[in-house]
Amino acid sequence: MLSDTNPDAEKVQLDLIRRMSVGQRLARAMDWSRMVVHLSRQGLAKANPGLDGQQLDLLWVEVQYGRELADKLRDYLEKRKQSADQSPCA
């Protein structure tokens, strides 16, 4: 295996994972996924301190899913903002 984990420690980790129920494994995978997303967003924010929240969100989408999708999302958000700005207040 390609790992920086000690082989004995890795065996223990795999044994613990095998003992988990399907639900526990799914919950663990979702936790890890959330952590990776959070850390990637933190890294982008640190590398781009001048960007606001929406700009960081769009950059994250671009990094993860590509420029084409990020551009479509950017256009959609701009059209939605323009539409909201033109709507009469209730």
PDB file of N, CA and C in Angstrom:
ATOM      1  N   MET A   1       0.835  -1.191   0.000  1.00  0.00           N
ATOM      2  CA  MET A   1       0.000   0.000   0.000  1.00  0.00           C
ATOM      3  C   MET A   1       0.878   1.252   0.000  1.00  0.00           C
ATOM      4  N   LEU A   2       0.373   2.298  -0.629  1.00  0.00           N
ATOM      5  CA  LEU A   2       1.064   3.581  -0.599  1.00  0.00           C
ATOM      6  C   LEU A   2       0.503   4.381   0.565  1.00  0.00           C
ATOM      7  N   SER A   3       1.242   4.402   1.663  1.00  0.00           N
ATOM      8  CA  SER A   3       0.753   5.059   2.863  1.00  0.00           C
ATOM      9  C   SER A   3       1.923   5.533   3.707  1.00  0.00           C
ATOM     10  N   ASP A   4       1.697   6.625   4.436  1.00  0.00           N
ATOM     11  CA  ASP A   4       2.729   7.078   5.369  1.00  0.00           C
ATOM     12  C   ASP A   4       2.447   6.544   6.777  1.00  0.00           C
ATOM     13  N   THR A   5       1.434   5.696   6.888  1.00  0.00           N
ATOM     14  CA  THR A   5       1.062   5.104   8.167  1.00  0.00           C
ATOM     15  C   THR A   5       1.866   3.829   8.398  1.00  0.00           C
ATOM     16  N   ASN A   6       2.323   3.652   9.617  1.00  0.00           N
ATOM     17  CA  ASN A   6       3.027   2.437   9.990  1.00  0.00           C
ATOM     18  C   ASN A   6       2.137   1.232   9.652  1.00  0.00           C
ATOM     19  N   PRO A   7       2.693   0.189   9.029  1.00  0.00           N
ATOM     20  CA  PRO A   7       1.871  -0.973   8.630  1.00  0.00           C
ATOM     21  C   PRO A   7       1.082  -1.597   9.780  1.00  0.00           C
ATOM     22  N   ASP A   8       1.665  -1.655  10.981  1.00  0.00           N
ATOM     23  CA  ASP A   8       0.931  -2.219  12.124  1.00  0.00           C
ATOM     24  C   ASP A   8      -0.238  -1.325  12.513  1.00  0.00           C
ATOM     25  N   ALA A   9      -0.018  -0.029  12.501  1.00  0.00           N
ATOM     26  CA  ALA A   9      -1.097   0.915  12.823  1.00  0.00           C
ATOM     27  C   ALA A   9      -2.187   0.848  11.760  1.00  0.00           C
ATOM     28  N   GLU A  10      -1.782   0.708  10.515  1.00  0.00           N
ATOM     29  CA  GLU A  10      -2.763   0.613   9.430  1.00  0.00           C
ATOM     30  C   GLU A  10      -3.629  -0.633   9.585  1.00  0.00           C
ATOM     31  N   LYS A  11      -3.042  -1.740  10.004  1.00  0.00           N
ATOM     32  CA  LYS A  11      -3.821  -2.964  10.233  1.00  0.00           C
ATOM     33  C   LYS A  11      -4.860  -2.754  11.321  1.00  0.00           C
ATOM     34  N   VAL A  12      -4.465  -2.054  12.387  1.00  0.00           N
ATOM     35  CA  VAL A  12      -5.411  -1.757  13.469  1.00  0.00           C
ATOM     36  C   VAL A  12      -6.535  -0.870  12.945  1.00  0.00           C
ATOM     37  N   GLN A  13      -6.179   0.166  12.169  1.00  0.00           N
ATOM     38  CA  GLN A  13      -7.198   1.062  11.617  1.00  0.00           C
ATOM     39  C   GLN A  13      -8.187   0.298  10.744  1.00  0.00           C
ATOM     40  N   LEU A  14      -7.660  -0.548   9.864  1.00  0.00           N
ATOM     41  CA  LEU A  14      -8.542  -1.312   8.975  1.00  0.00           C
ATOM     42  C   LEU A  14      -9.433  -2.273   9.762  1.00  0.00           C
ATOM     43  N   ASP A  15      -8.891  -2.865  10.814  1.00  0.00           N
ATOM     44  CA  ASP A  15      -9.695  -3.759  11.646  1.00  0.00           C
ATOM     45  C   ASP A  15     -10.829  -2.987  12.319  1.00  0.00           C
ATOM     46  N   LEU A  16     -10.531  -1.800  12.813  1.00  0.00           N
ATOM     47  CA  LEU A  16     -11.567  -0.977  13.441  1.00  0.00           C
ATOM     48  C   LEU A  16     -12.654  -0.601  12.431  1.00  0.00           C
ATOM     49  N   ILE A  17     -12.246  -0.258  11.214  1.00  0.00           N
ATOM     50  CA  ILE A  17     -13.222   0.094  10.180  1.00  0.00           C
ATOM     51  C   ILE A  17     -14.085  -1.112   9.829  1.00  0.00           C
ATOM     52  N   ARG A  18     -13.468  -2.271   9.721  1.00  0.00           N
ATOM     53  CA  ARG A  18     -14.229  -3.487   9.400  1.00  0.00           C
ATOM     54  C   ARG A  18     -15.260  -3.820  10.479  1.00  0.00           C
ATOM     55  N   ARG A  19     -14.979  -3.470  11.712  1.00  0.00           N
ATOM     56  CA  ARG A  19     -15.902  -3.767  12.821  1.00  0.00           C
ATOM     57  C   ARG A  19     -17.072  -2.787  12.883  1.00  0.00           C
ATOM     58  N   MET A  20     -16.963  -1.673  12.181  1.00  0.00           N
ATOM     59  CA  MET A  20     -18.049  -0.683  12.190  1.00  0.00           C
ATOM     60  C   MET A  20     -19.245  -1.203  11.399  1.00  0.00           C
ATOM     61  N   SER A  21     -20.420  -0.752  11.808  1.00  0.00           N
ATOM     62  CA  SER A  21     -21.614  -1.057  11.026  1.00  0.00           C
ATOM     63  C   SER A  21     -21.573  -0.215   9.737  1.00  0.00           C
ATOM     64  N   VAL A  22     -22.432  -0.575   8.811  1.00  0.00           N
ATOM     65  CA  VAL A  22     -22.505   0.194   7.562  1.00  0.00           C
ATOM     66  C   VAL A  22     -22.845   1.651   7.872  1.00  0.00           C
ATOM     67  N   GLY A  23     -23.767   1.852   8.779  1.00  0.00           N
ATOM     68  CA  GLY A  23     -24.156   3.209   9.158  1.00  0.00           C
ATOM     69  C   GLY A  23     -23.000   3.997   9.763  1.00  0.00           C
ATOM     70  N   GLN A  24     -22.217   3.329  10.594  1.00  0.00           N
ATOM     71  CA  GLN A  24     -21.060   4.000  11.198  1.00  0.00           C
ATOM     72  C   GLN A  24     -20.014   4.353  10.136  1.00  0.00           C
ATOM     73  N   ARG A  25     -19.799   3.438   9.198  1.00  0.00           N
ATOM     74  CA  ARG A  25     -18.831   3.724   8.127  1.00  0.00           C
ATOM     75  C   ARG A  25     -19.306   4.876   7.257  1.00  0.00           C
ATOM     76  N   LEU A  26     -20.604   4.883   6.956  1.00  0.00           N
ATOM     77  CA  LEU A  26     -21.158   5.977   6.156  1.00  0.00           C
ATOM     78  C   LEU A  26     -21.014   7.303   6.897  1.00  0.00           C
ATOM     79  N   ALA A  27     -21.322   7.313   8.183  1.00  0.00           N
ATOM     80  CA  ALA A  27     -21.188   8.536   8.979  1.00  0.00           C
ATOM     81  C   ALA A  27     -19.736   9.006   9.006  1.00  0.00           C
ATOM     82  N   ARG A  28     -18.807   8.076   9.152  1.00  0.00           N
ATOM     83  CA  ARG A  28     -17.381   8.424   9.171  1.00  0.00           C
ATOM     84  C   ARG A  28     -16.959   9.011   7.822  1.00  0.00           C
ATOM     85  N   ALA A  29     -17.404   8.386   6.733  1.00  0.00           N
ATOM     86  CA  ALA A  29     -17.061   8.890   5.396  1.00  0.00           C
ATOM     87  C   ALA A  29     -17.622  10.292   5.180  1.00  0.00           C
ATOM     88  N   MET A  30     -18.837  10.524   5.651  1.00  0.00           N
ATOM     89  CA  MET A  30     -19.436  11.863   5.509  1.00  0.00           C
ATOM     90  C   MET A  30     -18.672  12.884   6.350  1.00  0.00           C
ATOM     91  N   ASP A  31     -18.256  12.497   7.544  1.00  0.00           N
ATOM     92  CA  ASP A  31     -17.458  13.393   8.389  1.00  0.00           C
ATOM     93  C   ASP A  31     -16.144  13.757   7.704  1.00  0.00           C
ATOM     94  N   TRP A  32     -15.469  12.754   7.137  1.00  0.00           N
ATOM     95  CA  TRP A  32     -14.199  13.006   6.454  1.00  0.00           C
ATOM     96  C   TRP A  32     -14.410  13.916   5.249  1.00  0.00           C
ATOM     97  N   SER A  33     -15.492  13.686   4.530  1.00  0.00           N
ATOM     98  CA  SER A  33     -15.794  14.507   3.359  1.00  0.00           C
ATOM     99  C   SER A  33     -16.014  15.966   3.776  1.00  0.00           C
ATOM    100  N   ARG A  34     -16.813  16.165   4.834  1.00  0.00           N
ATOM    101  CA  ARG A  34     -17.045  17.532   5.335  1.00  0.00           C
ATOM    102  C   ARG A  34     -15.733  18.184   5.762  1.00  0.00           C
ATOM    103  N   MET A  35     -14.863  17.410   6.403  1.00  0.00           N
ATOM    104  CA  MET A  35     -13.591  17.951   6.855  1.00  0.00           C
ATOM    105  C   MET A  35     -12.721  18.366   5.663  1.00  0.00           C
ATOM    106  N   VAL A  36     -12.682  17.548   4.635  1.00  0.00           N
ATOM    107  CA  VAL A  36     -11.874  17.873   3.452  1.00  0.00           C
ATOM    108  C   VAL A  36     -12.403  19.129   2.779  1.00  0.00           C
ATOM    109  N   VAL A  37     -13.719  19.242   2.641  1.00  0.00           N
ATOM    110  CA  VAL A  37     -14.306  20.452   2.043  1.00  0.00           C
ATOM    111  C   VAL A  37     -13.957  21.665   2.897  1.00  0.00           C
ATOM    112  N   HIS A  38     -14.117  21.551   4.200  1.00  0.00           N
ATOM    113  CA  HIS A  38     -13.823  22.669   5.106  1.00  0.00           C
ATOM    114  C   HIS A  38     -12.355  23.095   4.987  1.00  0.00           C
ATOM    115  N   LEU A  39     -11.457  22.127   5.004  1.00  0.00           N
ATOM    116  CA  LEU A  39     -10.032  22.453   4.912  1.00  0.00           C
ATOM    117  C   LEU A  39      -9.672  23.067   3.563  1.00  0.00           C
ATOM    118  N   SER A  40     -10.280  22.577   2.484  1.00  0.00           N
ATOM    119  CA  SER A  40      -9.982  23.156   1.171  1.00  0.00           C
ATOM    120  C   SER A  40     -10.490  24.590   1.084  1.00  0.00           C
ATOM    121  N   ARG A  41     -11.651  24.846   1.679  1.00  0.00           N
ATOM    122  CA  ARG A  41     -12.191  26.219   1.673  1.00  0.00           C
ATOM    123  C   ARG A  41     -11.321  27.137   2.536  1.00  0.00           C
ATOM    124  N   GLN A  42     -10.858  26.618   3.670  1.00  0.00           N
ATOM    125  CA  GLN A  42      -9.957  27.409   4.515  1.00  0.00           C
ATOM    126  C   GLN A  42      -8.673  27.752   3.773  1.00  0.00           C
ATOM    127  N   GLY A  43      -8.132  26.794   3.049  1.00  0.00           N
ATOM    128  CA  GLY A  43      -6.910  27.029   2.289  1.00  0.00           C
ATOM    129  C   GLY A  43      -7.104  28.098   1.230  1.00  0.00           C
ATOM    130  N   LEU A  44      -8.227  28.044   0.533  1.00  0.00           N
ATOM    131  CA  LEU A  44      -8.510  29.070  -0.479  1.00  0.00           C
ATOM    132  C   LEU A  44      -8.681  30.442   0.156  1.00  0.00           C
ATOM    133  N   ALA A  45      -9.347  30.501   1.307  1.00  0.00           N
ATOM    134  CA  ALA A  45      -9.537  31.786   1.990  1.00  0.00           C
ATOM    135  C   ALA A  45      -8.195  32.361   2.438  1.00  0.00           C
ATOM    136  N   LYS A  46      -7.325  31.513   2.933  1.00  0.00           N
ATOM    137  CA  LYS A  46      -6.013  31.972   3.382  1.00  0.00           C
ATOM    138  C   LYS A  46      -5.168  32.454   2.199  1.00  0.00           C
ATOM    139  N   ALA A  47      -5.269  31.761   1.072  1.00  0.00           N
ATOM    140  CA  ALA A  47      -4.486  32.126  -0.115  1.00  0.00           C
ATOM    141  C   ALA A  47      -5.069  33.330  -0.851  1.00  0.00           C
ATOM    142  N   ASN A  48      -6.333  33.659  -0.571  1.00  0.00           N
ATOM    143  CA  ASN A  48      -7.020  34.756  -1.262  1.00  0.00           C
ATOM    144  C   ASN A  48      -7.742  35.642  -0.255  1.00  0.00           C
ATOM    145  N   PRO A  49      -7.014  36.343   0.608  1.00  0.00           N
ATOM    146  CA  PRO A  49      -7.643  37.090   1.697  1.00  0.00           C
ATOM    147  C   PRO A  49      -8.530  38.242   1.236  1.00  0.00           C
ATOM    148  N   GLY A  50      -8.395  38.702   0.013  1.00  0.00           N
ATOM    149  CA  GLY A  50      -9.193  39.825  -0.460  1.00  0.00           C
ATOM    150  C   GLY A  50     -10.560  39.452  -0.996  1.00  0.00           C
ATOM    151  N   LEU A  51     -10.854  38.163  -1.076  1.00  0.00           N
ATOM    152  CA  LEU A  51     -12.137  37.741  -1.635  1.00  0.00           C
ATOM    153  C   LEU A  51     -13.216  37.694  -0.565  1.00  0.00           C
ATOM    154  N   ASP A  52     -14.445  38.090  -0.960  1.00  0.00           N
ATOM    155  CA  ASP A  52     -15.565  37.982  -0.025  1.00  0.00           C
ATOM    156  C   ASP A  52     -16.114  36.553  -0.064  1.00  0.00           C
ATOM    157  N   GLY A  53     -17.126  36.299   0.723  1.00  0.00           N
ATOM    158  CA  GLY A  53     -17.663  34.946   0.846  1.00  0.00           C
ATOM    159  C   GLY A  53     -18.143  34.355  -0.461  1.00  0.00           C
ATOM    160  N   GLN A  54     -18.900  35.119  -1.238  1.00  0.00           N
ATOM    161  CA  GLN A  54     -19.410  34.600  -2.506  1.00  0.00           C
ATOM    162  C   GLN A  54     -18.276  34.359  -3.495  1.00  0.00           C
ATOM    163  N   GLN A  55     -17.306  35.236  -3.529  1.00  0.00           N
ATOM    164  CA  GLN A  55     -16.165  35.045  -4.422  1.00  0.00           C
ATOM    165  C   GLN A  55     -15.388  33.786  -4.044  1.00  0.00           C
ATOM    166  N   LEU A  56     -15.239  33.552  -2.740  1.00  0.00           N
ATOM    167  CA  LEU A  56     -14.567  32.324  -2.295  1.00  0.00           C
ATOM    168  C   LEU A  56     -15.378  31.084  -2.664  1.00  0.00           C
ATOM    169  N   ASP A  57     -16.697  31.179  -2.517  1.00  0.00           N
ATOM    170  CA  ASP A  57     -17.554  30.052  -2.902  1.00  0.00           C
ATOM    171  C   ASP A  57     -17.383  29.733  -4.384  1.00  0.00           C
ATOM    172  N   LEU A  58     -17.379  30.766  -5.211  1.00  0.00           N
ATOM    173  CA  LEU A  58     -17.230  30.561  -6.651  1.00  0.00           C
ATOM    174  C   LEU A  58     -15.846  30.016  -7.001  1.00  0.00           C
ATOM    175  N   LEU A  59     -14.823  30.495  -6.313  1.00  0.00           N
ATOM    176  CA  LEU A  59     -13.475  29.966  -6.536  1.00  0.00           C
ATOM    177  C   LEU A  59     -13.417  28.494  -6.153  1.00  0.00           C
ATOM    178  N   TRP A  60     -14.051  28.139  -5.040  1.00  0.00           N
ATOM    179  CA  TRP A  60     -14.065  26.745  -4.609  1.00  0.00           C
ATOM    180  C   TRP A  60     -14.757  25.871  -5.661  1.00  0.00           C
ATOM    181  N   VAL A  61     -15.889  26.339  -6.175  1.00  0.00           N
ATOM    182  CA  VAL A  61     -16.589  25.595  -7.229  1.00  0.00           C
ATOM    183  C   VAL A  61     -15.685  25.441  -8.446  1.00  0.00           C
ATOM    184  N   GLU A  62     -14.967  26.500  -8.816  1.00  0.00           N
ATOM    185  CA  GLU A  62     -14.074  26.434  -9.960  1.00  0.00           C
ATOM    186  C   GLU A  62     -12.960  25.402  -9.748  1.00  0.00           C
ATOM    187  N   VAL A  63     -12.367  25.409  -8.576  1.00  0.00           N
ATOM    188  CA  VAL A  63     -11.281  24.471  -8.281  1.00  0.00           C
ATOM    189  C   VAL A  63     -11.799  23.029  -8.284  1.00  0.00           C
ATOM    190  N   GLN A  64     -12.984  22.818  -7.722  1.00  0.00           N
ATOM    191  CA  GLN A  64     -13.506  21.456  -7.585  1.00  0.00           C
ATOM    192  C   GLN A  64     -14.167  20.932  -8.860  1.00  0.00           C
ATOM    193  N   TYR A  65     -14.885  21.819  -9.570  1.00  0.00           N
ATOM    194  CA  TYR A  65     -15.731  21.360 -10.669  1.00  0.00           C
ATOM    195  C   TYR A  65     -15.405  21.980 -12.025  1.00  0.00           C
ATOM    196  N   GLY A  66     -14.498  22.939 -12.033  1.00  0.00           N
ATOM    197  CA  GLY A  66     -14.086  23.533 -13.304  1.00  0.00           C
ATOM    198  C   GLY A  66     -14.645  24.931 -13.528  1.00  0.00           C
ATOM    199  N   ARG A  67     -13.959  25.637 -14.401  1.00  0.00           N
ATOM    200  CA  ARG A  67     -14.320  27.032 -14.685  1.00  0.00           C
ATOM    201  C   ARG A  67     -15.687  27.147 -15.353  1.00  0.00           C
ATOM    202  N   GLU A  68     -16.003  26.216 -16.240  1.00  0.00           N
ATOM    203  CA  GLU A  68     -17.282  26.312 -16.962  1.00  0.00           C
ATOM    204  C   GLU A  68     -18.465  26.328 -15.994  1.00  0.00           C
ATOM    205  N   LEU A  69     -18.480  25.411 -15.048  1.00  0.00           N
ATOM    206  CA  LEU A  69     -19.573  25.372 -14.085  1.00  0.00           C
ATOM    207  C   LEU A  69     -19.552  26.610 -13.192  1.00  0.00           C
ATOM    208  N   ALA A  70     -18.378  27.033 -12.758  1.00  0.00           N
ATOM    209  CA  ALA A  70     -18.284  28.227 -11.919  1.00  0.00           C
ATOM    210  C   ALA A  70     -18.812  29.452 -12.665  1.00  0.00           C
ATOM    211  N   ASP A  71     -18.502  29.568 -13.947  1.00  0.00           N
ATOM    212  CA  ASP A  71     -19.000  30.700 -14.740  1.00  0.00           C
ATOM    213  C   ASP A  71     -20.518  30.656 -14.870  1.00  0.00           C
ATOM    214  N   LYS A  72     -21.077  29.462 -15.070  1.00  0.00           N
ATOM    215  CA  LYS A  72     -22.537  29.333 -15.147  1.00  0.00           C
ATOM    216  C   LYS A  72     -23.184  29.710 -13.820  1.00  0.00           C
ATOM    217  N   LEU A  73     -22.593  29.283 -12.731  1.00  0.00           N
ATOM    218  CA  LEU A  73     -23.120  29.630 -11.410  1.00  0.00           C
ATOM    219  C   LEU A  73     -23.015  31.126 -11.173  1.00  0.00           C
ATOM    220  N   ARG A  74     -21.894  31.723 -11.539  1.00  0.00           N
ATOM    221  CA  ARG A  74     -21.691  33.166 -11.403  1.00  0.00           C
ATOM    222  C   ARG A  74     -22.768  33.930 -12.182  1.00  0.00           C
ATOM    223  N   ASP A  75     -23.027  33.514 -13.424  1.00  0.00           N
ATOM    224  CA  ASP A  75     -24.059  34.152 -14.248  1.00  0.00           C
ATOM    225  C   ASP A  75     -25.433  34.001 -13.611  1.00  0.00           C
ATOM    226  N   TYR A  76     -25.734  32.799 -13.131  1.00  0.00           N
ATOM    227  CA  TYR A  76     -27.020  32.555 -12.487  1.00  0.00           C
ATOM    228  C   TYR A  76     -27.209  33.454 -11.265  1.00  0.00           C
ATOM    229  N   LEU A  77     -26.188  33.535 -10.438  1.00  0.00           N
ATOM    230  CA  LEU A  77     -26.288  34.356  -9.231  1.00  0.00           C
ATOM    231  C   LEU A  77     -26.451  35.834  -9.573  1.00  0.00           C
ATOM    232  N   GLU A  78     -25.755  36.288 -10.603  1.00  0.00           N
ATOM    233  CA  GLU A  78     -25.879  37.691 -11.015  1.00  0.00           C
ATOM    234  C   GLU A  78     -27.283  37.975 -11.534  1.00  0.00           C
ATOM    235  N   LYS A  79     -27.833  37.086 -12.343  1.00  0.00           N
ATOM    236  CA  LYS A  79     -29.204  37.275 -12.856  1.00  0.00           C
ATOM    237  C   LYS A  79     -30.210  37.253 -11.715  1.00  0.00           C
ATOM    238  N   ARG A  80     -30.008  36.358 -10.756  1.00  0.00           N
ATOM    239  CA  ARG A  80     -30.917  36.285  -9.611  1.00  0.00           C
ATOM    240  C   ARG A  80     -30.851  37.565  -8.787  1.00  0.00           C
ATOM    241  N   LYS A  81     -29.655  38.100  -8.617  1.00  0.00           N
ATOM    242  CA  LYS A  81     -29.482  39.364  -7.876  1.00  0.00           C
ATOM    243  C   LYS A  81     -30.162  40.508  -8.610  1.00  0.00           C
ATOM    244  N   GLN A  82     -29.967  40.578  -9.926  1.00  0.00           N
ATOM    245  CA  GLN A  82     -30.600  41.646 -10.708  1.00  0.00           C
ATOM    246  C   GLN A  82     -32.109  41.550 -10.632  1.00  0.00           C
ATOM    247  N   SER A  83     -32.642  40.343 -10.694  1.00  0.00           N
ATOM    248  CA  SER A  83     -34.075  40.131 -10.601  1.00  0.00           C
ATOM    249  C   SER A  83     -34.610  40.572  -9.238  1.00  0.00           C
ATOM    250  N   ALA A  84     -33.882  40.238  -8.179  1.00  0.00           N
ATOM    251  CA  ALA A  84     -34.294  40.631  -6.824  1.00  0.00           C
ATOM    252  C   ALA A  84     -34.224  42.140  -6.659  1.00  0.00           C
ATOM    253  N   ASP A  85     -33.211  42.768  -7.272  1.00  0.00           N
ATOM    254  CA  ASP A  85     -33.072  44.222  -7.173  1.00  0.00           C
ATOM    255  C   ASP A  85     -34.202  44.945  -7.884  1.00  0.00           C
ATOM    256  N   GLN A  86     -34.769  44.327  -8.910  1.00  0.00           N
ATOM    257  CA  GLN A  86     -35.824  44.953  -9.685  1.00  0.00           C
ATOM    258  C   GLN A  86     -37.216  44.655  -9.139  1.00  0.00           C
ATOM    259  N   SER A  87     -37.341  43.695  -8.235  1.00  0.00           N
ATOM    260  CA  SER A  87     -38.637  43.321  -7.673  1.00  0.00           C
ATOM    261  C   SER A  87     -39.101  44.377  -6.700  1.00  0.00           C
ATOM    262  N   PRO A  88     -40.419  44.705  -6.753  1.00  0.00           N
ATOM    263  CA  PRO A  88     -40.941  45.649  -5.760  1.00  0.00           C
ATOM    264  C   PRO A  88     -40.963  45.020  -4.372  1.00  0.00           C
ATOM    265  N   CYS A  89     -40.713  45.811  -3.373  1.00  0.00           N
ATOM    266  CA  CYS A  89     -40.730  45.310  -1.990  1.00  0.00           C
ATOM    267  C   CYS A  89     -42.161  45.047  -1.574  1.00  0.00           C
ATOM    268  N   ALA A  90     -42.360  43.984  -0.839  1.00  0.00           N
ATOM    269  CA  ALA A  90     -43.715  43.626  -0.381  1.00  0.00           C
ATOM    270  C   ALA A  90     -44.076  44.361   0.865  1.00  0.00           C
TER     271      ALA A  90
END
